[in-house]
Amino acid sequence: MDAKTKRKARVRRHVRVRRKVAGSATRPRLAVYRSNRHIYAQLIDDDAARTLASASDREVTGTGQGKTAPAKAVGELLAERAKQAGIEAVVFDRGGRLFHGRVAALAEGAREKGLQI
């Protein structure tokens, strides 16, 4: 499977997920974007089309080797920012990726800091 086919398949899965998952002001969408090197997360109010909070592994330092530990730290950071914004519950948008590895670690970190997914 070449890169274009793989990307098209992921985008197709993402569109399928987005049909069912939408964020609101009371329960925003936690959107995860994962590149080969980095991971980013945003809390999005789809009704108002605005980002309420965001976090990325570029903001997290000293988490050691690998990519999973920084992903978990991003989830924790995002959960703290969500609490400051008065958000307690979110809907999870995995971006067409499997709920596995770094994506799951981000969700686990957010849950540990009290964000309800």
N, C-alpha and C. Protein backbone atom coordinates (compact mmCIF):
# COMPACT_ATOMS: atom_id res chain seq x y z
N MET A 1 0.85 -1.17 0.00
CA MET A 1 0.00 0.00 0.00
C MET A 1 0.90 1.24 0.00
N ASP A 2 0.73 2.08 -0.99
CA ASP A 2 1.57 3.28 -1.06
C ASP A 2 1.02 4.39 -0.15
N ALA A 3 1.79 5.45 0.01
CA ALA A 3 1.46 6.51 0.95
C ALA A 3 0.14 7.21 0.61
N LYS A 4 -0.11 7.43 -0.67
CA LYS A 4 -1.34 8.12 -1.06
C LYS A 4 -2.57 7.30 -0.71
N THR A 5 -2.52 6.02 -0.98
CA THR A 5 -3.64 5.14 -0.68
C THR A 5 -3.88 5.08 0.83
N LYS A 6 -2.80 5.02 1.59
CA LYS A 6 -2.88 4.95 3.04
C LYS A 6 -3.52 6.24 3.59
N ARG A 7 -3.09 7.37 3.06
CA ARG A 7 -3.65 8.66 3.51
C ARG A 7 -5.12 8.77 3.15
N LYS A 8 -5.48 8.36 1.93
CA LYS A 8 -6.88 8.41 1.51
C LYS A 8 -7.76 7.55 2.41
N ALA A 9 -7.25 6.38 2.78
CA ALA A 9 -8.00 5.49 3.66
C ALA A 9 -8.21 6.13 5.03
N ARG A 10 -7.17 6.80 5.57
CA ARG A 10 -7.29 7.46 6.86
C ARG A 10 -8.29 8.61 6.79
N VAL A 11 -8.22 9.40 5.74
CA VAL A 11 -9.15 10.51 5.57
C VAL A 11 -10.58 10.00 5.44
N ARG A 12 -10.76 8.90 4.72
CA ARG A 12 -12.09 8.29 4.58
C ARG A 12 -12.64 7.85 5.93
N ARG A 13 -11.77 7.25 6.75
CA ARG A 13 -12.19 6.85 8.11
C ARG A 13 -12.53 8.08 8.95
N HIS A 14 -11.74 9.14 8.81
CA HIS A 14 -11.97 10.36 9.57
C HIS A 14 -13.32 10.98 9.21
N VAL A 15 -13.64 11.02 7.93
CA VAL A 15 -14.93 11.56 7.48
C VAL A 15 -16.07 10.73 8.08
N ARG A 16 -15.89 9.43 8.11
CA ARG A 16 -16.91 8.53 8.67
C ARG A 16 -17.11 8.80 10.16
N VAL A 17 -16.03 9.02 10.88
CA VAL A 17 -16.11 9.32 12.31
C VAL A 17 -16.77 10.68 12.52
N ARG A 18 -16.41 11.66 11.69
CA ARG A 18 -16.92 13.02 11.86
C ARG A 18 -18.41 13.15 11.58
N ARG A 19 -18.97 12.19 10.85
CA ARG A 19 -20.42 12.20 10.63
C ARG A 19 -21.15 12.03 11.96
N LYS A 20 -20.55 11.28 12.86
CA LYS A 20 -21.20 10.96 14.14
C LYS A 20 -20.71 11.84 15.28
N VAL A 21 -19.50 12.37 15.19
CA VAL A 21 -18.89 13.10 16.30
C VAL A 21 -18.86 14.58 16.00
N ALA A 22 -19.52 15.36 16.86
CA ALA A 22 -19.49 16.82 16.73
C ALA A 22 -19.38 17.43 18.11
N GLY A 23 -18.61 18.49 18.22
CA GLY A 23 -18.41 19.15 19.50
C GLY A 23 -19.35 20.32 19.68
N SER A 24 -19.67 20.63 20.94
CA SER A 24 -20.48 21.79 21.27
C SER A 24 -19.76 22.57 22.36
N ALA A 25 -20.34 23.67 22.79
CA ALA A 25 -19.70 24.48 23.84
C ALA A 25 -19.65 23.71 25.15
N THR A 26 -20.68 22.93 25.45
CA THR A 26 -20.71 22.18 26.70
C THR A 26 -19.86 20.92 26.64
N ARG A 27 -19.82 20.29 25.47
CA ARG A 27 -19.02 19.08 25.30
C ARG A 27 -18.25 19.17 23.98
N PRO A 28 -17.08 19.81 24.00
CA PRO A 28 -16.32 20.01 22.76
C PRO A 28 -15.69 18.71 22.24
N ARG A 29 -15.22 18.79 21.01
CA ARG A 29 -14.57 17.64 20.37
C ARG A 29 -13.08 17.71 20.63
N LEU A 30 -12.53 16.62 21.16
CA LEU A 30 -11.09 16.52 21.36
C LEU A 30 -10.52 15.90 20.09
N ALA A 31 -9.96 16.74 19.23
CA ALA A 31 -9.43 16.30 17.94
C ALA A 31 -7.93 16.04 18.07
N VAL A 32 -7.51 14.87 17.64
CA VAL A 32 -6.10 14.49 17.71
C VAL A 32 -5.53 14.44 16.31
N TYR A 33 -4.37 15.10 16.11
CA TYR A 33 -3.64 14.98 14.86
C TYR A 33 -2.27 14.39 15.19
N ARG A 34 -1.93 13.33 14.51
CA ARG A 34 -0.67 12.65 14.76
C ARG A 34 0.15 12.63 13.48
N SER A 35 1.34 13.23 13.52
CA SER A 35 2.26 13.11 12.40
C SER A 35 3.28 12.04 12.76
N ASN A 36 4.24 11.80 11.92
CA ASN A 36 5.25 10.79 12.24
C ASN A 36 6.07 11.18 13.45
N ARG A 37 6.31 12.47 13.63
CA ARG A 37 7.19 12.94 14.70
C ARG A 37 6.46 13.56 15.88
N HIS A 38 5.33 14.23 15.63
CA HIS A 38 4.65 15.00 16.68
C HIS A 38 3.21 14.57 16.85
N ILE A 39 2.59 15.08 17.94
CA ILE A 39 1.17 14.85 18.17
C ILE A 39 0.57 16.15 18.70
N TYR A 40 -0.62 16.48 18.20
CA TYR A 40 -1.29 17.72 18.55
C TYR A 40 -2.72 17.39 18.95
N ALA A 41 -3.29 18.17 19.86
CA ALA A 41 -4.67 17.96 20.27
C ALA A 41 -5.36 19.31 20.46
N GLN A 42 -6.63 19.37 20.09
CA GLN A 42 -7.41 20.60 20.23
C GLN A 42 -8.78 20.26 20.79
N LEU A 43 -9.34 21.19 21.55
CA LEU A 43 -10.74 21.11 21.97
C LEU A 43 -11.50 22.09 21.10
N ILE A 44 -12.45 21.57 20.31
CA ILE A 44 -13.12 22.38 19.30
C ILE A 44 -14.63 22.43 19.55
N ASP A 45 -15.17 23.64 19.52
CA ASP A 45 -16.61 23.85 19.55
C ASP A 45 -17.05 23.97 18.10
N ASP A 46 -17.65 22.92 17.56
CA ASP A 46 -18.03 22.90 16.14
C ASP A 46 -19.20 23.84 15.84
N ASP A 47 -20.04 24.11 16.83
CA ASP A 47 -21.17 25.02 16.60
C ASP A 47 -20.68 26.43 16.30
N ALA A 48 -19.70 26.90 17.08
CA ALA A 48 -19.15 28.24 16.89
C ALA A 48 -17.91 28.23 15.99
N ALA A 49 -17.46 27.05 15.60
CA ALA A 49 -16.27 26.87 14.75
C ALA A 49 -15.05 27.56 15.36
N ARG A 50 -14.80 27.26 16.65
CA ARG A 50 -13.60 27.84 17.27
C ARG A 50 -12.91 26.84 18.20
N THR A 51 -11.61 27.03 18.33
CA THR A 51 -10.79 26.19 19.20
C THR A 51 -10.81 26.77 20.60
N LEU A 52 -11.14 25.93 21.59
CA LEU A 52 -11.24 26.39 22.97
C LEU A 52 -9.92 26.21 23.72
N ALA A 53 -9.18 25.16 23.38
CA ALA A 53 -7.88 24.90 24.01
C ALA A 53 -7.09 23.99 23.09
N SER A 54 -5.76 24.06 23.21
CA SER A 54 -4.92 23.18 22.39
C SER A 54 -3.64 22.85 23.14
N ALA A 55 -2.99 21.79 22.70
CA ALA A 55 -1.71 21.37 23.29
C ALA A 55 -0.96 20.55 22.25
N SER A 56 0.36 20.54 22.36
CA SER A 56 1.17 19.74 21.46
C SER A 56 2.40 19.24 22.18
N ASP A 57 3.04 18.23 21.63
CA ASP A 57 4.23 17.68 22.28
C ASP A 57 5.41 18.63 22.19
N ARG A 58 5.31 19.67 21.39
CA ARG A 58 6.37 20.68 21.32
C ARG A 58 6.42 21.51 22.60
N GLU A 59 5.28 21.55 23.32
CA GLU A 59 5.21 22.30 24.57
C GLU A 59 5.67 21.47 25.77
N VAL A 60 5.73 20.16 25.60
CA VAL A 60 6.07 19.25 26.68
C VAL A 60 7.55 18.90 26.58
N THR A 61 8.26 18.99 27.69
CA THR A 61 9.69 18.67 27.67
C THR A 61 10.03 17.66 28.75
N GLY A 62 11.14 16.98 28.55
CA GLY A 62 11.67 16.07 29.57
C GLY A 62 10.84 14.84 29.84
N THR A 63 10.25 14.26 28.81
CA THR A 63 9.44 13.05 29.02
C THR A 63 10.19 11.79 28.64
N GLY A 64 11.46 11.91 28.33
CA GLY A 64 12.27 10.73 28.04
C GLY A 64 12.22 10.31 26.59
N GLN A 65 12.66 9.09 26.33
CA GLN A 65 12.73 8.56 24.97
C GLN A 65 11.35 8.12 24.48
N GLY A 66 11.22 8.01 23.19
CA GLY A 66 9.99 7.49 22.59
C GLY A 66 8.97 8.58 22.32
N LYS A 67 7.83 8.16 21.81
CA LYS A 67 6.78 9.09 21.43
C LYS A 67 5.52 8.94 22.28
N THR A 68 5.36 7.81 22.95
CA THR A 68 4.16 7.55 23.72
C THR A 68 4.09 8.39 24.99
N ALA A 69 5.20 8.53 25.68
CA ALA A 69 5.23 9.33 26.92
C ALA A 69 4.89 10.79 26.66
N PRO A 70 5.47 11.42 25.62
CA PRO A 70 5.05 12.80 25.33
C PRO A 70 3.57 12.91 24.95
N ALA A 71 3.04 11.90 24.28
CA ALA A 71 1.62 11.92 23.90
C ALA A 71 0.74 11.92 25.16
N LYS A 72 1.12 11.13 26.15
CA LYS A 72 0.37 11.09 27.41
C LYS A 72 0.46 12.44 28.11
N ALA A 73 1.64 13.06 28.08
CA ALA A 73 1.84 14.37 28.69
C ALA A 73 1.00 15.44 28.00
N VAL A 74 0.82 15.32 26.68
CA VAL A 74 -0.02 16.25 25.93
C VAL A 74 -1.46 16.12 26.41
N GLY A 75 -1.92 14.90 26.61
CA GLY A 75 -3.28 14.67 27.12
C GLY A 75 -3.47 15.30 28.49
N GLU A 76 -2.47 15.17 29.35
CA GLU A 76 -2.54 15.76 30.69
C GLU A 76 -2.57 17.29 30.61
N LEU A 77 -1.72 17.86 29.76
CA LEU A 77 -1.67 19.31 29.58
C LEU A 77 -2.99 19.84 29.04
N LEU A 78 -3.55 19.14 28.08
CA LEU A 78 -4.82 19.56 27.50
C LEU A 78 -5.94 19.50 28.54
N ALA A 79 -5.93 18.47 29.37
CA ALA A 79 -6.95 18.33 30.42
C ALA A 79 -6.86 19.49 31.42
N GLU A 80 -5.64 19.90 31.76
CA GLU A 80 -5.47 21.04 32.67
C GLU A 80 -6.00 22.32 32.04
N ARG A 81 -5.71 22.52 30.76
CA ARG A 81 -6.20 23.71 30.06
C ARG A 81 -7.72 23.68 29.91
N ALA A 82 -8.28 22.49 29.75
CA ALA A 82 -9.73 22.34 29.64
C ALA A 82 -10.39 22.73 30.96
N LYS A 83 -9.80 22.30 32.07
CA LYS A 83 -10.36 22.64 33.38
C LYS A 83 -10.34 24.14 33.60
N GLN A 84 -9.25 24.81 33.16
CA GLN A 84 -9.17 26.27 33.28
C GLN A 84 -10.25 26.95 32.45
N ALA A 85 -10.62 26.33 31.34
CA ALA A 85 -11.66 26.87 30.46
C ALA A 85 -13.06 26.45 30.92
N GLY A 86 -13.14 25.65 31.98
CA GLY A 86 -14.44 25.22 32.51
C GLY A 86 -15.05 24.05 31.77
N ILE A 87 -14.20 23.22 31.15
CA ILE A 87 -14.68 22.06 30.39
C ILE A 87 -14.38 20.80 31.18
N GLU A 88 -15.39 19.96 31.35
CA GLU A 88 -15.21 18.72 32.11
C GLU A 88 -15.37 17.47 31.25
N ALA A 89 -16.18 17.56 30.17
CA ALA A 89 -16.46 16.39 29.34
C ALA A 89 -16.23 16.73 27.86
N VAL A 90 -15.71 15.77 27.11
CA VAL A 90 -15.43 15.95 25.68
C VAL A 90 -15.86 14.71 24.90
N VAL A 91 -15.97 14.86 23.59
CA VAL A 91 -16.13 13.71 22.70
C VAL A 91 -14.80 13.52 21.99
N PHE A 92 -14.37 12.30 21.82
CA PHE A 92 -13.04 12.01 21.30
C PHE A 92 -13.09 11.79 19.79
N ASP A 93 -12.24 12.53 19.07
CA ASP A 93 -12.11 12.39 17.62
C ASP A 93 -10.69 11.90 17.33
N ARG A 94 -10.57 10.64 16.96
CA ARG A 94 -9.25 10.03 16.79
C ARG A 94 -8.62 10.35 15.44
N GLY A 95 -9.29 11.11 14.62
CA GLY A 95 -8.72 11.57 13.35
C GLY A 95 -8.50 10.48 12.32
N GLY A 96 -9.31 9.43 12.37
CA GLY A 96 -9.17 8.35 11.41
C GLY A 96 -8.09 7.34 11.77
N ARG A 97 -7.39 7.57 12.86
CA ARG A 97 -6.35 6.64 13.33
C ARG A 97 -6.98 5.59 14.22
N LEU A 98 -6.25 4.50 14.43
CA LEU A 98 -6.69 3.48 15.38
C LEU A 98 -6.56 4.02 16.80
N PHE A 99 -7.46 3.64 17.68
CA PHE A 99 -7.35 4.02 19.09
C PHE A 99 -6.34 3.07 19.72
N HIS A 100 -5.06 3.45 19.55
CA HIS A 100 -3.96 2.53 19.84
C HIS A 100 -2.70 3.37 19.96
N GLY A 101 -1.76 2.96 20.75
CA GLY A 101 -0.47 3.63 20.82
C GLY A 101 -0.55 5.06 21.32
N ARG A 102 -0.02 5.99 20.53
CA ARG A 102 0.05 7.40 20.94
C ARG A 102 -1.32 8.03 21.10
N VAL A 103 -2.26 7.69 20.24
CA VAL A 103 -3.61 8.26 20.32
C VAL A 103 -4.28 7.80 21.62
N ALA A 104 -4.15 6.54 21.95
CA ALA A 104 -4.72 6.02 23.18
C ALA A 104 -4.00 6.60 24.40
N ALA A 105 -2.69 6.81 24.31
CA ALA A 105 -1.92 7.37 25.42
C ALA A 105 -2.38 8.80 25.71
N LEU A 106 -2.66 9.56 24.66
CA LEU A 106 -3.14 10.93 24.84
C LEU A 106 -4.48 10.92 25.58
N ALA A 107 -5.39 10.03 25.16
CA ALA A 107 -6.69 9.92 25.81
C ALA A 107 -6.54 9.48 27.27
N GLU A 108 -5.64 8.55 27.52
CA GLU A 108 -5.40 8.06 28.88
C GLU A 108 -4.88 9.19 29.78
N GLY A 109 -3.95 10.00 29.26
CA GLY A 109 -3.42 11.12 30.02
C GLY A 109 -4.50 12.14 30.36
N ALA A 110 -5.40 12.41 29.41
CA ALA A 110 -6.48 13.35 29.64
C ALA A 110 -7.45 12.80 30.68
N ARG A 111 -7.74 11.51 30.62
CA ARG A 111 -8.64 10.88 31.61
C ARG A 111 -8.05 10.93 33.01
N GLU A 112 -6.73 10.69 33.12
CA GLU A 112 -6.08 10.69 34.42
C GLU A 112 -6.14 12.05 35.10
N LYS A 113 -6.17 13.11 34.31
CA LYS A 113 -6.26 14.46 34.87
C LYS A 113 -7.70 14.92 35.05
N GLY A 114 -8.66 14.00 34.88
CA GLY A 114 -10.04 14.29 35.20
C GLY A 114 -10.95 14.69 34.05
N LEU A 115 -10.46 14.63 32.83
CA LEU A 115 -11.31 14.95 31.68
C LEU A 115 -12.16 13.73 31.35
N GLN A 116 -13.45 13.95 31.20
CA GLN A 116 -14.37 12.84 30.94
C GLN A 116 -14.51 12.64 29.45
N ILE A 117 -14.10 11.45 28.97
CA ILE A 117 -14.17 11.14 27.53
C ILE A 117 -15.24 10.09 27.32
